[in-house]
Amino acid sequence: MQPQWNTYRGQQPNNATQQMAGAGQTQNLEQRIANIENQLNMLIRMIEYNNQMLRHMYHSQNNINMSGGGSGGGSVIVRM
């Protein structure tokens, strides 16, 4: 018969190891989530910048451009 204090000996290191591994996995998961949040924030900023550039290009193309100076013989180019 084994002593009573020795009966749980095999379970404690496994539980401690599992808890440590679980804590490491939780921390790793939290780091991944934080990284994804940062990437999403950067993506949102890039999309907003891209939208500003597209609006600027759209407004620039719709401007009326005069060429030929003020002598009356110039042409008018309108882009839509």
Protein backbone atom coordinates (compact mmCIF):
# COMPACT_ATOMS: atom_id res chain seq x y z
CA MET A 1 0.00 0.00 0.00
CA GLN A 2 1.29 3.46 -0.93
CA PRO A 3 1.39 6.29 1.58
CA GLN A 4 -1.56 8.67 1.36
CA TRP A 5 0.58 11.74 0.67
CA ASN A 6 1.92 10.04 -2.46
CA THR A 7 -1.47 9.30 -4.10
CA TYR A 8 -1.85 12.74 -5.75
CA ARG A 9 1.79 13.09 -6.63
CA GLY A 10 1.32 12.28 -10.29
CA GLN A 11 -1.59 14.68 -10.76
CA GLN A 12 -0.19 17.87 -9.29
CA PRO A 13 2.66 18.47 -11.74
CA ASN A 14 0.31 17.81 -14.64
CA ASN A 15 -2.26 20.25 -13.28
CA ALA A 16 0.41 22.88 -12.68
CA THR A 17 1.86 22.28 -16.13
CA GLN A 18 -1.58 22.51 -17.70
CA GLN A 19 -2.34 25.72 -15.84
CA MET A 20 0.96 27.24 -16.93
CA ALA A 21 0.36 26.15 -20.52
CA GLY A 22 -3.18 27.51 -20.36
CA ALA A 23 -1.94 30.84 -19.06
CA GLY A 24 0.65 30.99 -21.85
CA GLN A 25 -1.98 30.17 -24.44
CA THR A 26 -4.27 32.86 -23.05
CA GLN A 27 -1.49 35.43 -23.17
CA ASN A 28 -0.58 34.34 -26.71
CA LEU A 29 -4.23 34.63 -27.76
CA GLU A 30 -4.49 38.10 -26.21
CA GLN A 31 -1.35 39.19 -28.09
CA ARG A 32 -2.78 37.89 -31.35
CA ILE A 33 -6.07 39.70 -30.77
CA ALA A 34 -4.22 42.95 -29.99
CA ASN A 35 -2.15 42.51 -33.16
CA ILE A 36 -5.29 41.97 -35.24
CA GLU A 37 -6.90 45.06 -33.70
CA ASN A 38 -3.83 47.13 -34.61
CA GLN A 39 -3.87 45.79 -38.16
CA LEU A 40 -7.58 46.57 -38.49
CA ASN A 41 -7.02 50.12 -37.24
CA MET A 42 -4.24 50.59 -39.78
CA LEU A 43 -6.44 49.16 -42.54
CA ILE A 44 -9.26 51.56 -41.61
CA ARG A 45 -6.86 54.53 -41.74
CA MET A 46 -5.57 53.40 -45.14
CA ILE A 47 -9.12 53.02 -46.49
CA GLU A 48 -10.02 56.51 -45.22
CA TYR A 49 -6.91 57.96 -46.87
CA ASN A 50 -7.71 56.11 -50.09
CA ASN A 51 -11.25 57.50 -50.03
CA GLN A 52 -9.88 61.04 -49.60
CA MET A 53 -7.57 60.55 -52.56
CA LEU A 54 -10.42 59.18 -54.71
CA ARG A 55 -12.61 62.17 -53.78
CA HIS A 56 -9.77 64.53 -54.67
CA MET A 57 -9.25 62.79 -58.01
CA TYR A 58 -12.99 62.86 -58.72
CA HIS A 59 -13.21 66.61 -58.01
CA SER A 60 -10.06 67.31 -60.02
CA GLN A 61 -11.45 65.51 -63.08
CA ASN A 62 -14.70 67.45 -62.92
CA ASN A 63 -12.98 70.85 -62.96
CA ILE A 64 -13.18 72.95 -66.11
CA ASN A 65 -9.74 73.44 -67.65
CA MET A 66 -9.15 76.45 -69.89
CA SER A 67 -6.22 76.45 -72.29
CA GLY A 68 -5.05 78.97 -74.88
CA GLY A 69 -4.82 82.04 -72.66
CA GLY A 70 -7.16 85.00 -72.64
CA SER A 71 -7.03 85.74 -76.40
CA GLY A 72 -10.42 84.16 -77.05
CA GLY A 73 -9.22 81.30 -79.25
CA GLY A 74 -8.82 78.69 -76.54
CA SER A 75 -10.71 75.47 -75.97
CA VAL A 76 -12.67 74.30 -72.97
CA ILE A 77 -12.19 70.73 -71.72
CA VAL A 78 -14.76 69.31 -69.34
CA ARG A 79 -14.18 65.84 -67.92
CA MET A 80 -16.93 63.82 -66.30
